[in-house]
Amino acid sequence: MARFFLSLSGVALLVGFTCWIGSVLGWWVLPLFWREVIFFGFAFTGIITYNLFLLRRKQPQSFVQFYLLSIILKMIIGLAFVFFLIWKSPTEIRGNVGLFLLTYLLFTLVEVFVLMRKGNG
């Protein structure tokens, strides 16, 4: 469990640092909600995965169903967050939504890798 939060924190710091350093070097302009997007992805993935860890220990027979449910829940709440980003800042759709998609992909990859590793139960 500690490895998961370290991995998730590392990905969040790496994405945040990459966004910031790219902006400082003039490669791109930071999206308006870059911190919020990274924090949302970190927090939501952390909460869902923590609950999946607990569920796998208590009810391993129903883990797969709840994992699939968590994917659907993550997509629906992520879509609502994207609509909020578009509503709050329609001029920065590309940056905010692009960063959201990148963080969603990276955090989901960390989640899947950690959950599917052997010896994690």
PDB file of N, CA and C in Angstrom:
ATOM      1  N   MET A   1       0.828  -1.188   0.000  1.00  0.00           N
ATOM      2  CA  MET A   1       0.000   0.000   0.000  1.00  0.00           C
ATOM      3  C   MET A   1       0.878   1.260   0.000  1.00  0.00           C
ATOM      4  N   ALA A   2       1.925   1.222   0.772  1.00  0.00           N
ATOM      5  CA  ALA A   2       2.821   2.381   0.820  1.00  0.00           C
ATOM      6  C   ALA A   2       3.504   2.588  -0.533  1.00  0.00           C
ATOM      7  N   ARG A   3       3.837   1.486  -1.200  1.00  0.00           N
ATOM      8  CA  ARG A   3       4.446   1.606  -2.525  1.00  0.00           C
ATOM      9  C   ARG A   3       3.510   2.283  -3.509  1.00  0.00           C
ATOM     10  N   PHE A   4       2.223   1.968  -3.386  1.00  0.00           N
ATOM     11  CA  PHE A   4       1.256   2.586  -4.286  1.00  0.00           C
ATOM     12  C   PHE A   4       1.227   4.096  -4.098  1.00  0.00           C
ATOM     13  N   PHE A   5       1.143   4.553  -2.835  1.00  0.00           N
ATOM     14  CA  PHE A   5       1.079   5.990  -2.601  1.00  0.00           C
ATOM     15  C   PHE A   5       2.386   6.682  -2.965  1.00  0.00           C
ATOM     16  N   LEU A   6       3.503   5.991  -2.797  1.00  0.00           N
ATOM     17  CA  LEU A   6       4.771   6.563  -3.248  1.00  0.00           C
ATOM     18  C   LEU A   6       4.810   6.663  -4.767  1.00  0.00           C
ATOM     19  N   SER A   7       4.340   5.624  -5.445  1.00  0.00           N
ATOM     20  CA  SER A   7       4.309   5.652  -6.910  1.00  0.00           C
ATOM     21  C   SER A   7       3.375   6.740  -7.421  1.00  0.00           C
ATOM     22  N   LEU A   8       2.200   6.828  -6.803  1.00  0.00           N
ATOM     23  CA  LEU A   8       1.222   7.832  -7.214  1.00  0.00           C
ATOM     24  C   LEU A   8       1.761   9.241  -6.957  1.00  0.00           C
ATOM     25  N   SER A   9       2.397   9.437  -5.810  1.00  0.00           N
ATOM     26  CA  SER A   9       2.991  10.741  -5.499  1.00  0.00           C
ATOM     27  C   SER A   9       4.117  11.072  -6.470  1.00  0.00           C
ATOM     28  N   GLY A  10       4.917  10.071  -6.810  1.00  0.00           N
ATOM     29  CA  GLY A  10       6.003  10.291  -7.763  1.00  0.00           C
ATOM     30  C   GLY A  10       5.491  10.710  -9.127  1.00  0.00           C
ATOM     31  N   VAL A  11       4.429  10.053  -9.585  1.00  0.00           N
ATOM     32  CA  VAL A  11       3.842  10.416 -10.878  1.00  0.00           C
ATOM     33  C   VAL A  11       3.268  11.832 -10.812  1.00  0.00           C
ATOM     34  N   ALA A  12       2.586  12.153  -9.710  1.00  0.00           N
ATOM     35  CA  ALA A  12       2.012  13.498  -9.569  1.00  0.00           C
ATOM     36  C   ALA A  12       3.108  14.562  -9.563  1.00  0.00           C
ATOM     37  N   LEU A  13       4.169  14.316  -8.821  1.00  0.00           N
ATOM     38  CA  LEU A  13       5.276  15.277  -8.791  1.00  0.00           C
ATOM     39  C   LEU A  13       5.960  15.384 -10.148  1.00  0.00           C
ATOM     40  N   LEU A  14       6.127  14.271 -10.831  1.00  0.00           N
ATOM     41  CA  LEU A  14       6.750  14.290 -12.150  1.00  0.00           C
ATOM     42  C   LEU A  14       5.910  15.075 -13.156  1.00  0.00           C
ATOM     43  N   VAL A  15       4.605  14.850 -13.153  1.00  0.00           N
ATOM     44  CA  VAL A  15       3.720  15.582 -14.069  1.00  0.00           C
ATOM     45  C   VAL A  15       3.716  17.073 -13.718  1.00  0.00           C
ATOM     46  N   GLY A  16       3.606  17.376 -12.428  1.00  0.00           N
ATOM     47  CA  GLY A  16       3.614  18.776 -12.006  1.00  0.00           C
ATOM     48  C   GLY A  16       4.908  19.480 -12.358  1.00  0.00           C
ATOM     49  N   PHE A  17       6.033  18.817 -12.113  1.00  0.00           N
ATOM     50  CA  PHE A  17       7.328  19.407 -12.431  1.00  0.00           C
ATOM     51  C   PHE A  17       7.499  19.587 -13.935  1.00  0.00           C
ATOM     52  N   THR A  18       7.052  18.589 -14.704  1.00  0.00           N
ATOM     53  CA  THR A  18       7.156  18.689 -16.161  1.00  0.00           C
ATOM     54  C   THR A  18       6.312  19.847 -16.689  1.00  0.00           C
ATOM     55  N   CYS A  19       5.105  19.988 -16.156  1.00  0.00           N
ATOM     56  CA  CYS A  19       4.253  21.121 -16.567  1.00  0.00           C
ATOM     57  C   CYS A  19       4.924  22.444 -16.244  1.00  0.00           C
ATOM     58  N   TRP A  20       5.433  22.546 -15.038  1.00  0.00           N
ATOM     59  CA  TRP A  20       6.027  23.805 -14.591  1.00  0.00           C
ATOM     60  C   TRP A  20       7.302  24.124 -15.366  1.00  0.00           C
ATOM     61  N   ILE A  21       8.194  23.140 -15.513  1.00  0.00           N
ATOM     62  CA  ILE A  21       9.467  23.410 -16.182  1.00  0.00           C
ATOM     63  C   ILE A  21       9.252  23.702 -17.668  1.00  0.00           C
ATOM     64  N   GLY A  22       8.275  23.037 -18.290  1.00  0.00           N
ATOM     65  CA  GLY A  22       7.965  23.339 -19.681  1.00  0.00           C
ATOM     66  C   GLY A  22       7.453  24.758 -19.857  1.00  0.00           C
ATOM     67  N   SER A  23       6.719  25.226 -18.862  1.00  0.00           N
ATOM     68  CA  SER A  23       6.217  26.593 -18.901  1.00  0.00           C
ATOM     69  C   SER A  23       7.346  27.600 -18.690  1.00  0.00           C
ATOM     70  N   VAL A  24       8.244  27.304 -17.760  1.00  0.00           N
ATOM     71  CA  VAL A  24       9.368  28.199 -17.488  1.00  0.00           C
ATOM     72  C   VAL A  24      10.290  28.298 -18.692  1.00  0.00           C
ATOM     73  N   LEU A  25      10.522  27.177 -19.364  1.00  0.00           N
ATOM     74  CA  LEU A  25      11.402  27.178 -20.533  1.00  0.00           C
ATOM     75  C   LEU A  25      10.718  27.695 -21.795  1.00  0.00           C
ATOM     76  N   GLY A  26       9.413  27.969 -21.714  1.00  0.00           N
ATOM     77  CA  GLY A  26       8.697  28.537 -22.841  1.00  0.00           C
ATOM     78  C   GLY A  26       8.215  27.525 -23.858  1.00  0.00           C
ATOM     79  N   TRP A  27       8.200  26.243 -23.491  1.00  0.00           N
ATOM     80  CA  TRP A  27       7.736  25.224 -24.429  1.00  0.00           C
ATOM     81  C   TRP A  27       6.231  25.252 -24.590  1.00  0.00           C
ATOM     82  N   TRP A  28       5.511  25.599 -23.535  1.00  0.00           N
ATOM     83  CA  TRP A  28       4.057  25.690 -23.577  1.00  0.00           C
ATOM     84  C   TRP A  28       3.582  26.602 -22.467  1.00  0.00           C
ATOM     85  N   VAL A  29       2.324  26.951 -22.527  1.00  0.00           N
ATOM     86  CA  VAL A  29       1.709  27.784 -21.500  1.00  0.00           C
ATOM     87  C   VAL A  29       0.973  26.859 -20.537  1.00  0.00           C
ATOM     88  N   LEU A  30       1.141  27.111 -19.256  1.00  0.00           N
ATOM     89  CA  LEU A  30       0.448  26.285 -18.255  1.00  0.00           C
ATOM     90  C   LEU A  30      -1.056  26.488 -18.360  1.00  0.00           C
ATOM     91  N   PRO A  31      -1.821  25.407 -18.321  1.00  0.00           N
ATOM     92  CA  PRO A  31      -3.274  25.570 -18.273  1.00  0.00           C
ATOM     93  C   PRO A  31      -3.675  26.245 -16.962  1.00  0.00           C
ATOM     94  N   LEU A  32      -4.814  26.888 -16.980  1.00  0.00           N
ATOM     95  CA  LEU A  32      -5.265  27.644 -15.818  1.00  0.00           C
ATOM     96  C   LEU A  32      -5.428  26.761 -14.586  1.00  0.00           C
ATOM     97  N   PHE A  33      -5.947  25.570 -14.764  1.00  0.00           N
ATOM     98  CA  PHE A  33      -6.231  24.694 -13.632  1.00  0.00           C
ATOM     99  C   PHE A  33      -5.259  23.523 -13.548  1.00  0.00           C
ATOM    100  N   TRP A  34      -3.979  23.721 -13.832  1.00  0.00           N
ATOM    101  CA  TRP A  34      -3.041  22.607 -13.865  1.00  0.00           C
ATOM    102  C   TRP A  34      -2.863  21.952 -12.510  1.00  0.00           C
ATOM    103  N   ARG A  35      -2.808  22.730 -11.433  1.00  0.00           N
ATOM    104  CA  ARG A  35      -2.665  22.146 -10.095  1.00  0.00           C
ATOM    105  C   ARG A  35      -3.906  21.356  -9.706  1.00  0.00           C
ATOM    106  N   GLU A  36      -5.075  21.902 -10.018  1.00  0.00           N
ATOM    107  CA  GLU A  36      -6.328  21.242  -9.667  1.00  0.00           C
ATOM    108  C   GLU A  36      -6.493  19.920 -10.424  1.00  0.00           C
ATOM    109  N   VAL A  37      -6.083  19.912 -11.682  1.00  0.00           N
ATOM    110  CA  VAL A  37      -6.198  18.688 -12.484  1.00  0.00           C
ATOM    111  C   VAL A  37      -5.301  17.593 -11.908  1.00  0.00           C
ATOM    112  N   ILE A  38      -4.073  17.941 -11.580  1.00  0.00           N
ATOM    113  CA  ILE A  38      -3.148  16.952 -11.023  1.00  0.00           C
ATOM    114  C   ILE A  38      -3.635  16.480  -9.656  1.00  0.00           C
ATOM    115  N   PHE A  39      -4.088  17.405  -8.823  1.00  0.00           N
ATOM    116  CA  PHE A  39      -4.581  17.011  -7.499  1.00  0.00           C
ATOM    117  C   PHE A  39      -5.832  16.150  -7.605  1.00  0.00           C
ATOM    118  N   PHE A  40      -6.734  16.494  -8.500  1.00  0.00           N
ATOM    119  CA  PHE A  40      -7.948  15.696  -8.684  1.00  0.00           C
ATOM    120  C   PHE A  40      -7.593  14.267  -9.075  1.00  0.00           C
ATOM    121  N   GLY A  41      -6.710  14.117 -10.052  1.00  0.00           N
ATOM    122  CA  GLY A  41      -6.309  12.778 -10.476  1.00  0.00           C
ATOM    123  C   GLY A  41      -5.633  12.006  -9.365  1.00  0.00           C
ATOM    124  N   PHE A  42      -4.752  12.667  -8.640  1.00  0.00           N
ATOM    125  CA  PHE A  42      -4.057  12.020  -7.528  1.00  0.00           C
ATOM    126  C   PHE A  42      -5.027  11.594  -6.434  1.00  0.00           C
ATOM    127  N   ALA A  43      -5.876  12.514  -5.999  1.00  0.00           N
ATOM    128  CA  ALA A  43      -6.785  12.231  -4.891  1.00  0.00           C
ATOM    129  C   ALA A  43      -7.817  11.173  -5.262  1.00  0.00           C
ATOM    130  N   PHE A  44      -8.412  11.317  -6.408  1.00  0.00           N
ATOM    131  CA  PHE A  44      -9.469  10.375  -6.789  1.00  0.00           C
ATOM    132  C   PHE A  44      -8.919   8.976  -7.023  1.00  0.00           C
ATOM    133  N   THR A  45      -7.785   8.878  -7.681  1.00  0.00           N
ATOM    134  CA  THR A  45      -7.166   7.568  -7.889  1.00  0.00           C
ATOM    135  C   THR A  45      -6.729   6.968  -6.555  1.00  0.00           C
ATOM    136  N   GLY A  46      -6.191   7.777  -5.674  1.00  0.00           N
ATOM    137  CA  GLY A  46      -5.782   7.284  -4.359  1.00  0.00           C
ATOM    138  C   GLY A  46      -6.947   6.756  -3.547  1.00  0.00           C
ATOM    139  N   ILE A  47      -8.051   7.477  -3.530  1.00  0.00           N
ATOM    140  CA  ILE A  47      -9.233   7.053  -2.767  1.00  0.00           C
ATOM    141  C   ILE A  47      -9.803   5.758  -3.324  1.00  0.00           C
ATOM    142  N   ILE A  48      -9.967   5.700  -4.628  1.00  0.00           N
ATOM    143  CA  ILE A  48     -10.548   4.497  -5.240  1.00  0.00           C
ATOM    144  C   ILE A  48      -9.635   3.291  -5.032  1.00  0.00           C
ATOM    145  N   THR A  49      -8.357   3.456  -5.247  1.00  0.00           N
ATOM    146  CA  THR A  49      -7.444   2.320  -5.124  1.00  0.00           C
ATOM    147  C   THR A  49      -7.310   1.865  -3.676  1.00  0.00           C
ATOM    148  N   TYR A  50      -7.296   2.786  -2.742  1.00  0.00           N
ATOM    149  CA  TYR A  50      -7.255   2.413  -1.325  1.00  0.00           C
ATOM    150  C   TYR A  50      -8.473   1.559  -0.966  1.00  0.00           C
ATOM    151  N   ASN A  51      -9.645   1.974  -1.421  1.00  0.00           N
ATOM    152  CA  ASN A  51     -10.852   1.195  -1.148  1.00  0.00           C
ATOM    153  C   ASN A  51     -10.819  -0.158  -1.847  1.00  0.00           C
ATOM    154  N   LEU A  52     -10.226  -0.236  -3.020  1.00  0.00           N
ATOM    155  CA  LEU A  52     -10.089  -1.522  -3.697  1.00  0.00           C
ATOM    156  C   LEU A  52      -9.122  -2.445  -2.958  1.00  0.00           C
ATOM    157  N   PHE A  53      -8.057  -1.884  -2.394  1.00  0.00           N
ATOM    158  CA  PHE A  53      -7.147  -2.684  -1.575  1.00  0.00           C
ATOM    159  C   PHE A  53      -7.893  -3.286  -0.380  1.00  0.00           C
ATOM    160  N   LEU A  54      -8.671  -2.444   0.308  1.00  0.00           N
ATOM    161  CA  LEU A  54      -9.433  -2.940   1.461  1.00  0.00           C
ATOM    162  C   LEU A  54     -10.437  -4.001   1.047  1.00  0.00           C
ATOM    163  N   LEU A  55     -11.108  -3.769  -0.052  1.00  0.00           N
ATOM    164  CA  LEU A  55     -12.102  -4.730  -0.527  1.00  0.00           C
ATOM    165  C   LEU A  55     -11.457  -6.058  -0.895  1.00  0.00           C
ATOM    166  N   ARG A  56     -10.294  -6.002  -1.515  1.00  0.00           N
ATOM    167  CA  ARG A  56      -9.633  -7.245  -1.916  1.00  0.00           C
ATOM    168  C   ARG A  56      -9.215  -8.067  -0.702  1.00  0.00           C
ATOM    169  N   ARG A  57      -8.886  -7.412   0.394  1.00  0.00           N
ATOM    170  CA  ARG A  57      -8.533  -8.153   1.609  1.00  0.00           C
ATOM    171  C   ARG A  57      -9.764  -8.748   2.288  1.00  0.00           C
ATOM    172  N   LYS A  58     -10.868  -8.004   2.291  1.00  0.00           N
ATOM    173  CA  LYS A  58     -12.069  -8.454   3.008  1.00  0.00           C
ATOM    174  C   LYS A  58     -12.964  -9.364   2.173  1.00  0.00           C
ATOM    175  N   GLN A  59     -13.124  -9.050   0.899  1.00  0.00           N
ATOM    176  CA  GLN A  59     -14.012  -9.813   0.019  1.00  0.00           C
ATOM    177  C   GLN A  59     -13.323 -10.066  -1.328  1.00  0.00           C
ATOM    178  N   PRO A  60     -12.366 -10.951  -1.366  1.00  0.00           N
ATOM    179  CA  PRO A  60     -11.635 -11.159  -2.627  1.00  0.00           C
ATOM    180  C   PRO A  60     -12.510 -11.697  -3.751  1.00  0.00           C
ATOM    181  N   GLN A  61     -13.598 -12.367  -3.424  1.00  0.00           N
ATOM    182  CA  GLN A  61     -14.467 -12.934  -4.463  1.00  0.00           C
ATOM    183  C   GLN A  61     -15.214 -11.849  -5.239  1.00  0.00           C
ATOM    184  N   SER A  62     -15.394 -10.686  -4.662  1.00  0.00           N
ATOM    185  CA  SER A  62     -16.127  -9.633  -5.373  1.00  0.00           C
ATOM    186  C   SER A  62     -15.215  -8.505  -5.859  1.00  0.00           C
ATOM    187  N   PHE A  63     -13.909  -8.737  -5.845  1.00  0.00           N
ATOM    188  CA  PHE A  63     -12.970  -7.693  -6.246  1.00  0.00           C
ATOM    189  C   PHE A  63     -13.150  -7.278  -7.702  1.00  0.00           C
ATOM    190  N   VAL A  64     -13.293  -8.244  -8.586  1.00  0.00           N
ATOM    191  CA  VAL A  64     -13.367  -7.940 -10.024  1.00  0.00           C
ATOM    192  C   VAL A  64     -14.590  -7.076 -10.329  1.00  0.00           C
ATOM    193  N   GLN A  65     -15.731  -7.407  -9.752  1.00  0.00           N
ATOM    194  CA  GLN A  65     -16.942  -6.616  -9.999  1.00  0.00           C
ATOM    195  C   GLN A  65     -16.778  -5.182  -9.499  1.00  0.00           C
ATOM    196  N   PHE A  66     -16.200  -5.025  -8.311  1.00  0.00           N
ATOM    197  CA  PHE A  66     -16.015  -3.677  -7.786  1.00  0.00           C
ATOM    198  C   PHE A  66     -14.921  -2.920  -8.532  1.00  0.00           C
ATOM    199  N   TYR A  67     -13.936  -3.634  -9.050  1.00  0.00           N
ATOM    200  CA  TYR A  67     -12.907  -2.974  -9.847  1.00  0.00           C
ATOM    201  C   TYR A  67     -13.521  -2.415 -11.135  1.00  0.00           C
ATOM    202  N   LEU A  68     -14.353  -3.208 -11.788  1.00  0.00           N
ATOM    203  CA  LEU A  68     -15.029  -2.734 -12.996  1.00  0.00           C
ATOM    204  C   LEU A  68     -15.970  -1.570 -12.668  1.00  0.00           C
ATOM    205  N   LEU A  69     -16.651  -1.648 -11.538  1.00  0.00           N
ATOM    206  CA  LEU A  69     -17.513  -0.544 -11.108  1.00  0.00           C
ATOM    207  C   LEU A  69     -16.689   0.712 -10.843  1.00  0.00           C
ATOM    208  N   SER A  70     -15.507   0.545 -10.270  1.00  0.00           N
ATOM    209  CA  SER A  70     -14.660   1.713  -9.997  1.00  0.00           C
ATOM    210  C   SER A  70     -14.189   2.374 -11.289  1.00  0.00           C
ATOM    211  N   ILE A  71     -13.954   1.577 -12.337  1.00  0.00           N
ATOM    212  CA  ILE A  71     -13.560   2.143 -13.629  1.00  0.00           C
ATOM    213  C   ILE A  71     -14.680   3.009 -14.185  1.00  0.00           C
ATOM    214  N   ILE A  72     -15.908   2.505 -14.114  1.00  0.00           N
ATOM    215  CA  ILE A  72     -17.060   3.274 -14.601  1.00  0.00           C
ATOM    216  C   ILE A  72     -17.237   4.544 -13.773  1.00  0.00           C
ATOM    217  N   LEU A  73     -17.122   4.415 -12.456  1.00  0.00           N
ATOM    218  CA  LEU A  73     -17.263   5.577 -11.578  1.00  0.00           C
ATOM    219  C   LEU A  73     -16.183   6.609 -11.868  1.00  0.00           C
ATOM    220  N   LYS A  74     -14.973   6.151 -12.069  1.00  0.00           N
ATOM    221  CA  LYS A  74     -13.867   7.062 -12.369  1.00  0.00           C
ATOM    222  C   LYS A  74     -14.098   7.791 -13.691  1.00  0.00           C
ATOM    223  N   MET A  75     -14.626   7.085 -14.689  1.00  0.00           N
ATOM    224  CA  MET A  75     -14.902   7.724 -15.982  1.00  0.00           C
ATOM    225  C   MET A  75     -16.018   8.761 -15.870  1.00  0.00           C
ATOM    226  N   ILE A  76     -17.083   8.436 -15.159  1.00  0.00           N
ATOM    227  CA  ILE A  76     -18.211   9.371 -15.032  1.00  0.00           C
ATOM    228  C   ILE A  76     -17.803  10.613 -14.258  1.00  0.00           C
ATOM    229  N   ILE A  77     -17.110  10.444 -13.143  1.00  0.00           N
ATOM    230  CA  ILE A  77     -16.689  11.605 -12.357  1.00  0.00           C
ATOM    231  C   ILE A  77     -15.620  12.398 -13.104  1.00  0.00           C
ATOM    232  N   GLY A  78     -14.748  11.712 -13.827  1.00  0.00           N
ATOM    233  CA  GLY A  78     -13.763  12.411 -14.646  1.00  0.00           C
ATOM    234  C   GLY A  78     -14.414  13.229 -15.743  1.00  0.00           C
ATOM    235  N   LEU A  79     -15.456  12.671 -16.355  1.00  0.00           N
ATOM    236  CA  LEU A  79     -16.179  13.408 -17.388  1.00  0.00           C
ATOM    237  C   LEU A  79     -16.862  14.646 -16.802  1.00  0.00           C
ATOM    238  N   ALA A  80     -17.434  14.503 -15.620  1.00  0.00           N
ATOM    239  CA  ALA A  80     -18.049  15.662 -14.953  1.00  0.00           C
ATOM    240  C   ALA A  80     -16.989  16.723 -14.650  1.00  0.00           C
ATOM    241  N   PHE A  81     -15.798  16.294 -14.229  1.00  0.00           N
ATOM    242  CA  PHE A  81     -14.717  17.234 -13.955  1.00  0.00           C
ATOM    243  C   PHE A  81     -14.277  17.950 -15.226  1.00  0.00           C
ATOM    244  N   VAL A  82     -14.203  17.225 -16.340  1.00  0.00           N
ATOM    245  CA  VAL A  82     -13.842  17.840 -17.613  1.00  0.00           C
ATOM    246  C   VAL A  82     -14.893  18.870 -18.025  1.00  0.00           C
ATOM    247  N   PHE A  83     -16.164  18.539 -17.861  1.00  0.00           N
ATOM    248  CA  PHE A  83     -17.213  19.514 -18.175  1.00  0.00           C
ATOM    249  C   PHE A  83     -17.086  20.751 -17.296  1.00  0.00           C
ATOM    250  N   PHE A  84     -16.733  20.556 -16.029  1.00  0.00           N
ATOM    251  CA  PHE A  84     -16.512  21.697 -15.139  1.00  0.00           C
ATOM    252  C   PHE A  84     -15.348  22.553 -15.630  1.00  0.00           C
ATOM    253  N   LEU A  85     -14.258  21.911 -16.043  1.00  0.00           N
ATOM    254  CA  LEU A  85     -13.103  22.660 -16.559  1.00  0.00           C
ATOM    255  C   LEU A  85     -13.476  23.463 -17.799  1.00  0.00           C
ATOM    256  N   ILE A  86     -14.253  22.854 -18.676  1.00  0.00           N
ATOM    257  CA  ILE A  86     -14.666  23.544 -19.897  1.00  0.00           C
ATOM    258  C   ILE A  86     -15.595  24.701 -19.560  1.00  0.00           C
ATOM    259  N   TRP A  87     -16.480  24.505 -18.618  1.00  0.00           N
ATOM    260  CA  TRP A  87     -17.427  25.550 -18.226  1.00  0.00           C
ATOM    261  C   TRP A  87     -16.713  26.729 -17.567  1.00  0.00           C
ATOM    262  N   LYS A  88     -15.712  26.431 -16.710  1.00  0.00           N
ATOM    263  CA  LYS A  88     -15.001  27.500 -16.000  1.00  0.00           C
ATOM    264  C   LYS A  88     -14.032  28.264 -16.891  1.00  0.00           C
ATOM    265  N   SER A  89     -13.432  27.596 -17.855  1.00  0.00           N
ATOM    266  CA  SER A  89     -12.434  28.246 -18.687  1.00  0.00           C
ATOM    267  C   SER A  89     -12.538  27.759 -20.129  1.00  0.00           C
ATOM    268  N   PRO A  90     -13.526  28.265 -20.870  1.00  0.00           N
ATOM    269  CA  PRO A  90     -13.704  27.785 -22.242  1.00  0.00           C
ATOM    270  C   PRO A  90     -12.554  28.159 -23.183  1.00  0.00           C
ATOM    271  N   THR A  91     -11.751  29.124 -22.822  1.00  0.00           N
ATOM    272  CA  THR A  91     -10.648  29.512 -23.702  1.00  0.00           C
ATOM    273  C   THR A  91      -9.448  28.581 -23.581  1.00  0.00           C
ATOM    274  N   GLU A  92      -9.388  27.802 -22.521  1.00  0.00           N
ATOM    275  CA  GLU A  92      -8.238  26.918 -22.308  1.00  0.00           C
ATOM    276  C   GLU A  92      -8.635  25.451 -22.341  1.00  0.00           C
ATOM    277  N   ILE A  93      -9.515  25.110 -23.252  1.00  0.00           N
ATOM    278  CA  ILE A  93     -10.003  23.728 -23.325  1.00  0.00           C
ATOM    279  C   ILE A  93      -8.863  22.768 -23.624  1.00  0.00           C
ATOM    280  N   ARG A  94      -8.050  23.093 -24.600  1.00  0.00           N
ATOM    281  CA  ARG A  94      -6.980  22.176 -25.008  1.00  0.00           C
ATOM    282  C   ARG A  94      -6.020  21.843 -23.878  1.00  0.00           C
ATOM    283  N   GLY A  95      -5.534  22.865 -23.212  1.00  0.00           N
ATOM    284  CA  GLY A  95      -4.552  22.642 -22.147  1.00  0.00           C
ATOM    285  C   GLY A  95      -5.114  21.878 -20.970  1.00  0.00           C
ATOM    286  N   ASN A  96      -6.268  22.308 -20.473  1.00  0.00           N
ATOM    287  CA  ASN A  96      -6.865  21.656 -19.304  1.00  0.00           C
ATOM    288  C   ASN A  96      -7.279  20.222 -19.600  1.00  0.00           C
ATOM    289  N   VAL A  97      -7.967  20.011 -20.708  1.00  0.00           N
ATOM    290  CA  VAL A  97      -8.448  18.673 -21.044  1.00  0.00           C
ATOM    291  C   VAL A  97      -7.274  17.765 -21.441  1.00  0.00           C
ATOM    292  N   GLY A  98      -6.314  18.295 -22.151  1.00  0.00           N
ATOM    293  CA  GLY A  98      -5.137  17.498 -22.503  1.00  0.00           C
ATOM    294  C   GLY A  98      -4.366  17.044 -21.270  1.00  0.00           C
ATOM    295  N   LEU A  99      -4.188  17.956 -20.324  1.00  0.00           N
ATOM    296  CA  LEU A  99      -3.512  17.592 -19.082  1.00  0.00           C
ATOM    297  C   LEU A  99      -4.335  16.585 -18.290  1.00  0.00           C
ATOM    298  N   PHE A 100      -5.654  16.759 -18.283  1.00  0.00           N
ATOM    299  CA  PHE A 100      -6.509  15.793 -17.591  1.00  0.00           C
ATOM    300  C   PHE A 100      -6.354  14.402 -18.201  1.00  0.00           C
ATOM    301  N   LEU A 101      -6.371  14.316 -19.522  1.00  0.00           N
ATOM    302  CA  LEU A 101      -6.229  13.017 -20.175  1.00  0.00           C
ATOM    303  C   LEU A 101      -4.874  12.378 -19.874  1.00  0.00           C
ATOM    304  N   LEU A 102      -3.822  13.178 -19.870  1.00  0.00           N
ATOM    305  CA  LEU A 102      -2.500  12.664 -19.550  1.00  0.00           C
ATOM    306  C   LEU A 102      -2.451  12.138 -18.115  1.00  0.00           C
ATOM    307  N   THR A 103      -2.943  12.924 -17.168  1.00  0.00           N
ATOM    308  CA  THR A 103      -2.911  12.479 -15.774  1.00  0.00           C
ATOM    309  C   THR A 103      -3.822  11.279 -15.557  1.00  0.00           C
ATOM    310  N   TYR A 104      -4.973  11.258 -16.207  1.00  0.00           N
ATOM    311  CA  TYR A 104      -5.883  10.115 -16.081  1.00  0.00           C
ATOM    312  C   TYR A 104      -5.183   8.845 -16.553  1.00  0.00           C
ATOM    313  N   LEU A 105      -4.532   8.924 -17.681  1.00  0.00           N
ATOM    314  CA  LEU A 105      -3.827   7.765 -18.228  1.00  0.00           C
ATOM    315  C   LEU A 105      -2.694   7.321 -17.309  1.00  0.00           C
ATOM    316  N   LEU A 106      -1.851   8.252 -16.872  1.00  0.00           N
ATOM    317  CA  LEU A 106      -0.711   7.883 -16.035  1.00  0.00           C
ATOM    318  C   LEU A 106      -1.149   7.327 -14.684  1.00  0.00           C
ATOM    319  N   PHE A 107      -2.120   7.977 -14.031  1.00  0.00           N
ATOM    320  CA  PHE A 107      -2.576   7.493 -12.732  1.00  0.00           C
ATOM    321  C   PHE A 107      -3.291   6.150 -12.864  1.00  0.00           C
ATOM    322  N   THR A 108      -4.006   5.936 -13.946  1.00  0.00           N
ATOM    323  CA  THR A 108      -4.669   4.651 -14.158  1.00  0.00           C
ATOM    324  C   THR A 108      -3.640   3.557 -14.412  1.00  0.00           C
ATOM    325  N   LEU A 109      -2.588   3.862 -15.138  1.00  0.00           N
ATOM    326  CA  LEU A 109      -1.524   2.875 -15.345  1.00  0.00           C
ATOM    327  C   LEU A 109      -0.872   2.471 -14.028  1.00  0.00           C
ATOM    328  N   VAL A 110      -0.621   3.440 -13.155  1.00  0.00           N
ATOM    329  CA  VAL A 110      -0.060   3.126 -11.841  1.00  0.00           C
ATOM    330  C   VAL A 110      -1.036   2.273 -11.048  1.00  0.00           C
ATOM    331  N   GLU A 111      -2.308   2.638 -11.080  1.00  0.00           N
ATOM    332  CA  GLU A 111      -3.332   1.886 -10.351  1.00  0.00           C
ATOM    333  C   GLU A 111      -3.403   0.435 -10.833  1.00  0.00           C
ATOM    334  N   VAL A 112      -3.462   0.235 -12.125  1.00  0.00           N
ATOM    335  CA  VAL A 112      -3.560  -1.119 -12.677  1.00  0.00           C
ATOM    336  C   VAL A 112      -2.308  -1.917 -12.356  1.00  0.00           C
ATOM    337  N   PHE A 113      -1.148  -1.307 -12.509  1.00  0.00           N
ATOM    338  CA  PHE A 113       0.084  -2.020 -12.229  1.00  0.00           C
ATOM    339  C   PHE A 113       0.145  -2.469 -10.771  1.00  0.00           C
ATOM    340  N   VAL A 114      -0.191  -1.591  -9.851  1.00  0.00           N
ATOM    341  CA  VAL A 114      -0.115  -1.929  -8.431  1.00  0.00           C
ATOM    342  C   VAL A 114      -1.176  -2.937  -8.033  1.00  0.00           C
ATOM    343  N   LEU A 115      -2.377  -2.788  -8.541  1.00  0.00           N
ATOM    344  CA  LEU A 115      -3.451  -3.719  -8.176  1.00  0.00           C
ATOM    345  C   LEU A 115      -3.222  -5.116  -8.739  1.00  0.00           C
ATOM    346  N   MET A 116      -2.602  -5.234  -9.882  1.00  0.00           N
ATOM    347  CA  MET A 116      -2.438  -6.538 -10.521  1.00  0.00           C
ATOM    348  C   MET A 116      -1.127  -7.228 -10.179  1.00  0.00           C
ATOM    349  N   ARG A 117      -0.277  -6.590  -9.394  1.00  0.00           N
ATOM    350  CA  ARG A 117       0.956  -7.243  -8.979  1.00  0.00           C
ATOM    351  C   ARG A 117       0.679  -8.415  -8.058  1.00  0.00           C
ATOM    352  N   LYS A 118       1.436  -9.449  -8.185  1.00  0.00           N
ATOM    353  CA  LYS A 118       1.293 -10.604  -7.289  1.00  0.00           C
ATOM    354  C   LYS A 118       1.841 -10.246  -5.915  1.00  0.00           C
ATOM    355  N   GLY A 119       1.250 -10.807  -4.884  1.00  0.00           N
ATOM    356  CA  GLY A 119       1.716 -10.545  -3.528  1.00  0.00           C
ATOM    357  C   GLY A 119       1.226  -9.256  -2.938  1.00  0.00           C
ATOM    358  N   ASN A 120       0.196  -8.672  -3.536  1.00  0.00           N
ATOM    359  CA  ASN A 120      -0.350  -7.420  -3.028  1.00  0.00           C
ATOM    360  C   ASN A 120      -1.563  -7.641  -2.146  1.00  0.00           C
ATOM    361  N   GLY A 121      -1.897  -8.814  -1.839  1.00  0.00           N
ATOM    362  CA  GLY A 121      -3.103  -9.065  -1.074  1.00  0.00           C
ATOM    363  C   GLY A 121      -2.782  -9.437   0.301  1.00  0.00           C
TER     364      GLY A 121
END
